[in-house]
Amino acid sequence: MSPSPRRRRAVPLVLGAVAALLLATACSGGDGEPSPAPPSPPTSSAPSSPESAGALRITTEDFAFSPADPEVGPGEKITVVNKDSAAHTVTATDGDAFDTGSIAGGESGTFTAPSEAGRYAFVCTFHPNMTGTLIVR
């Protein structure tokens, strides 16, 4: 007596299911050790909470500062957000009034505005065509 057509169709399905189960078991590592958790994404020095009223944020994007001529009060904290892939700085051109140091692409940094009112030219030391003026009221 030959197997019924229904059984002939079921055999490949059962074999396929067994093969899939064996393949999944073989790919699971099988050493009994749990897989390590993936690394956490890097954090930046920018605050995670909304910025307080009056806090200044300078953005570097497409190799330009925005705003290019920001106005702040003396001693205010300024956050610099680098949206480019290249590193940037915000460095006073006259003296050592402020300098963020290198801010990697996608990261943020902060600096404090000078305590004396005035106009302070700044530049990205890596890209001298990126310039602006910090106006301290």
C-alpha atoms as a PDB file:
ATOM      1  CA  MET A   1       0.000   0.000   0.000  1.00  0.00           C
ATOM      2  CA  SER A   2       1.475   3.357  -1.001  1.00  0.00           C
ATOM      3  CA  PRO A   3       1.313   6.472   1.220  1.00  0.00           C
ATOM      4  CA  SER A   4      -1.611   8.810   0.649  1.00  0.00           C
ATOM      5  CA  PRO A   5      -1.033  12.126  -1.201  1.00  0.00           C
ATOM      6  CA  ARG A   6      -1.713  13.945   2.050  1.00  0.00           C
ATOM      7  CA  ARG A   7       1.158  12.105   3.775  1.00  0.00           C
ATOM      8  CA  ARG A   8       3.488  12.776   0.852  1.00  0.00           C
ATOM      9  CA  ARG A   9       2.908  16.529   1.286  1.00  0.00           C
ATOM     10  CA  ALA A  10       3.329  16.379   5.070  1.00  0.00           C
ATOM     11  CA  VAL A  11       6.743  14.683   4.978  1.00  0.00           C
ATOM     12  CA  PRO A  12       8.579  17.653   3.342  1.00  0.00           C
ATOM     13  CA  LEU A  13       6.868  20.073   5.734  1.00  0.00           C
ATOM     14  CA  VAL A  14       7.957  18.058   8.773  1.00  0.00           C
ATOM     15  CA  LEU A  15      11.504  17.698   7.416  1.00  0.00           C
ATOM     16  CA  GLY A  16      11.642  21.453   6.730  1.00  0.00           C
ATOM     17  CA  ALA A  17      10.476  22.260  10.259  1.00  0.00           C
ATOM     18  CA  VAL A  18      13.077  19.907  11.770  1.00  0.00           C
ATOM     19  CA  ALA A  19      15.818  21.441   9.591  1.00  0.00           C
ATOM     20  CA  ALA A  20      14.804  24.967  10.634  1.00  0.00           C
ATOM     21  CA  LEU A  21      14.838  23.965  14.298  1.00  0.00           C
ATOM     22  CA  LEU A  22      18.291  22.391  13.972  1.00  0.00           C
ATOM     23  CA  LEU A  23      19.617  25.462  12.152  1.00  0.00           C
ATOM     24  CA  ALA A  24      18.244  27.822  14.804  1.00  0.00           C
ATOM     25  CA  THR A  25      19.805  25.711  17.557  1.00  0.00           C
ATOM     26  CA  ALA A  26      23.173  25.609  15.791  1.00  0.00           C
ATOM     27  CA  CYS A  27      23.229  29.404  15.363  1.00  0.00           C
ATOM     28  CA  SER A  28      22.368  30.180  18.975  1.00  0.00           C
ATOM     29  CA  GLY A  29      25.942  29.860  20.216  1.00  0.00           C
ATOM     30  CA  GLY A  30      25.108  26.864  22.362  1.00  0.00           C
ATOM     31  CA  ASP A  31      27.725  27.574  25.063  1.00  0.00           C
ATOM     32  CA  GLY A  32      25.078  28.252  27.690  1.00  0.00           C
ATOM     33  CA  GLU A  33      26.483  31.712  28.388  1.00  0.00           C
ATOM     34  CA  PRO A  34      24.117  34.670  27.999  1.00  0.00           C
ATOM     35  CA  SER A  35      25.027  37.164  25.304  1.00  0.00           C
ATOM     36  CA  PRO A  36      26.524  40.411  26.623  1.00  0.00           C
ATOM     37  CA  ALA A  37      24.286  43.461  26.505  1.00  0.00           C
ATOM     38  CA  PRO A  38      24.988  45.830  23.614  1.00  0.00           C
ATOM     39  CA  PRO A  39      27.023  48.920  24.561  1.00  0.00           C
ATOM     40  CA  SER A  40      25.123  52.041  25.561  1.00  0.00           C
ATOM     41  CA  PRO A  41      25.176  54.950  23.124  1.00  0.00           C
ATOM     42  CA  PRO A  42      27.711  57.663  23.969  1.00  0.00           C
ATOM     43  CA  THR A  43      26.506  60.611  25.995  1.00  0.00           C
ATOM     44  CA  SER A  44      27.358  64.229  25.440  1.00  0.00           C
ATOM     45  CA  SER A  45      28.020  67.049  27.847  1.00  0.00           C
ATOM     46  CA  ALA A  46      24.854  68.857  26.741  1.00  0.00           C
ATOM     47  CA  PRO A  47      22.084  68.903  29.326  1.00  0.00           C
ATOM     48  CA  SER A  48      19.342  66.351  28.722  1.00  0.00           C
ATOM     49  CA  SER A  49      16.641  68.539  30.231  1.00  0.00           C
ATOM     50  CA  PRO A  50      15.172  71.497  28.375  1.00  0.00           C
ATOM     51  CA  GLU A  51      17.437  74.503  28.465  1.00  0.00           C
ATOM     52  CA  SER A  52      16.552  77.218  30.925  1.00  0.00           C
ATOM     53  CA  ALA A  53      15.143  80.475  29.646  1.00  0.00           C
ATOM     54  CA  GLY A  54      17.906  82.700  28.344  1.00  0.00           C
ATOM     55  CA  ALA A  55      20.464  79.906  27.942  1.00  0.00           C
ATOM     56  CA  LEU A  56      22.386  80.327  24.712  1.00  0.00           C
ATOM     57  CA  ARG A  57      23.012  77.540  22.252  1.00  0.00           C
ATOM     58  CA  ILE A  58      25.437  77.849  19.339  1.00  0.00           C
ATOM     59  CA  THR A  59      25.137  75.178  16.667  1.00  0.00           C
ATOM     60  CA  THR A  60      27.838  74.194  14.205  1.00  0.00           C
ATOM     61  CA  GLU A  61      26.295  72.803  11.038  1.00  0.00           C
ATOM     62  CA  ASP A  62      27.519  72.736   7.443  1.00  0.00           C
ATOM     63  CA  PHE A  63      30.776  74.327   8.656  1.00  0.00           C
ATOM     64  CA  ALA A  64      29.073  77.477   9.965  1.00  0.00           C
ATOM     65  CA  PHE A  65      28.107  78.848  13.391  1.00  0.00           C
ATOM     66  CA  SER A  66      24.453  79.594  14.094  1.00  0.00           C
ATOM     67  CA  PRO A  67      23.905  82.197  15.325  1.00  0.00           C
ATOM     68  CA  ALA A  68      27.148  83.711  14.055  1.00  0.00           C
ATOM     69  CA  ASP A  69      26.870  86.765  16.341  1.00  0.00           C
ATOM     70  CA  PRO A  70      25.167  85.584  19.539  1.00  0.00           C
ATOM     71  CA  GLU A  71      24.367  87.954  22.417  1.00  0.00           C
ATOM     72  CA  VAL A  72      24.702  86.897  26.068  1.00  0.00           C
ATOM     73  CA  GLY A  73      25.036  88.337  29.529  1.00  0.00           C
ATOM     74  CA  PRO A  74      28.364  88.337  31.393  1.00  0.00           C
ATOM     75  CA  GLY A  75      29.297  84.937  32.826  1.00  0.00           C
ATOM     76  CA  GLU A  76      26.450  83.056  31.100  1.00  0.00           C
ATOM     77  CA  LYS A  77      26.967  79.397  30.180  1.00  0.00           C
ATOM     78  CA  ILE A  78      26.847  78.696  26.454  1.00  0.00           C
ATOM     79  CA  THR A  79      26.218  75.251  24.968  1.00  0.00           C
ATOM     80  CA  VAL A  80      27.824  74.415  21.631  1.00  0.00           C
ATOM     81  CA  VAL A  81      26.171  71.598  19.652  1.00  0.00           C
ATOM     82  CA  ASN A  82      28.252  70.153  16.811  1.00  0.00           C
ATOM     83  CA  LYS A  83      25.912  68.776  14.121  1.00  0.00           C
ATOM     84  CA  ASP A  84      28.753  68.206  11.647  1.00  0.00           C
ATOM     85  CA  SER A  85      30.796  65.015  11.409  1.00  0.00           C
ATOM     86  CA  ALA A  86      34.073  66.964  11.746  1.00  0.00           C
ATOM     87  CA  ALA A  87      35.377  68.294  15.068  1.00  0.00           C
ATOM     88  CA  HIS A  88      35.046  72.030  15.767  1.00  0.00           C
ATOM     89  CA  THR A  89      36.080  74.567  18.414  1.00  0.00           C
ATOM     90  CA  VAL A  90      34.708  77.920  19.549  1.00  0.00           C
ATOM     91  CA  THR A  91      37.867  79.840  20.405  1.00  0.00           C
ATOM     92  CA  ALA A  92      38.276  83.563  21.145  1.00  0.00           C
ATOM     93  CA  THR A  93      40.727  85.110  18.674  1.00  0.00           C
ATOM     94  CA  ASP A  94      42.056  87.730  21.101  1.00  0.00           C
ATOM     95  CA  GLY A  95      43.573  86.311  24.260  1.00  0.00           C
ATOM     96  CA  ASP A  96      42.137  83.446  26.230  1.00  0.00           C
ATOM     97  CA  ALA A  97      38.622  84.770  26.899  1.00  0.00           C
ATOM     98  CA  PHE A  98      37.091  81.357  26.051  1.00  0.00           C
ATOM     99  CA  ASP A  99      37.874  78.132  24.238  1.00  0.00           C
ATOM    100  CA  THR A 100      35.715  75.021  24.082  1.00  0.00           C
ATOM    101  CA  GLY A 101      38.566  72.789  23.026  1.00  0.00           C
ATOM    102  CA  SER A 102      37.805  70.175  20.384  1.00  0.00           C
ATOM    103  CA  ILE A 103      34.140  69.120  20.162  1.00  0.00           C
ATOM    104  CA  ALA A 104      33.797  65.885  18.178  1.00  0.00           C
ATOM    105  CA  GLY A 105      31.156  65.539  15.490  1.00  0.00           C
ATOM    106  CA  GLY A 106      27.740  64.832  16.979  1.00  0.00           C
ATOM    107  CA  GLU A 107      28.844  65.935  20.466  1.00  0.00           C
ATOM    108  CA  SER A 108      28.311  69.052  22.606  1.00  0.00           C
ATOM    109  CA  GLY A 109      30.419  71.238  24.837  1.00  0.00           C
ATOM    110  CA  THR A 110      30.021  74.315  27.013  1.00  0.00           C
ATOM    111  CA  PHE A 111      31.919  77.446  27.878  1.00  0.00           C
ATOM    112  CA  THR A 112      31.324  80.526  30.004  1.00  0.00           C
ATOM    113  CA  ALA A 113      31.008  83.988  28.490  1.00  0.00           C
ATOM    114  CA  PRO A 114      33.568  86.570  29.647  1.00  0.00           C
ATOM    115  CA  SER A 115      32.551  88.658  32.666  1.00  0.00           C
ATOM    116  CA  GLU A 116      33.279  91.957  30.904  1.00  0.00           C
ATOM    117  CA  ALA A 117      30.895  93.434  28.335  1.00  0.00           C
ATOM    118  CA  GLY A 118      32.258  93.690  24.816  1.00  0.00           C
ATOM    119  CA  ARG A 119      32.566  92.065  21.418  1.00  0.00           C
ATOM    120  CA  TYR A 120      34.674  88.901  21.297  1.00  0.00           C
ATOM    121  CA  ALA A 121      35.578  87.521  17.877  1.00  0.00           C
ATOM    122  CA  PHE A 122      35.795  83.734  17.731  1.00  0.00           C
ATOM    123  CA  VAL A 123      36.904  81.087  15.261  1.00  0.00           C
ATOM    124  CA  CYS A 124      36.999  77.337  14.812  1.00  0.00           C
ATOM    125  CA  THR A 125      40.721  76.606  15.047  1.00  0.00           C
ATOM    126  CA  PHE A 126      40.326  73.623  12.690  1.00  0.00           C
ATOM    127  CA  HIS A 127      38.363  75.596  10.063  1.00  0.00           C
ATOM    128  CA  PRO A 128      39.466  79.271  10.041  1.00  0.00           C
ATOM    129  CA  ASN A 129      36.648  80.195   7.638  1.00  0.00           C
ATOM    130  CA  MET A 130      34.196  79.543  10.501  1.00  0.00           C
ATOM    131  CA  THR A 131      33.989  82.822  12.410  1.00  0.00           C
ATOM    132  CA  GLY A 132      31.615  84.755  14.612  1.00  0.00           C
ATOM    133  CA  THR A 133      31.417  87.404  17.309  1.00  0.00           C
ATOM    134  CA  LEU A 134      30.184  86.803  20.849  1.00  0.00           C
ATOM    135  CA  ILE A 135      28.481  89.969  22.084  1.00  0.00           C
ATOM    136  CA  VAL A 136      28.485  90.272  25.876  1.00  0.00           C
ATOM    137  CA  ARG A 137      25.919  92.893  27.003  1.00  0.00           C
END
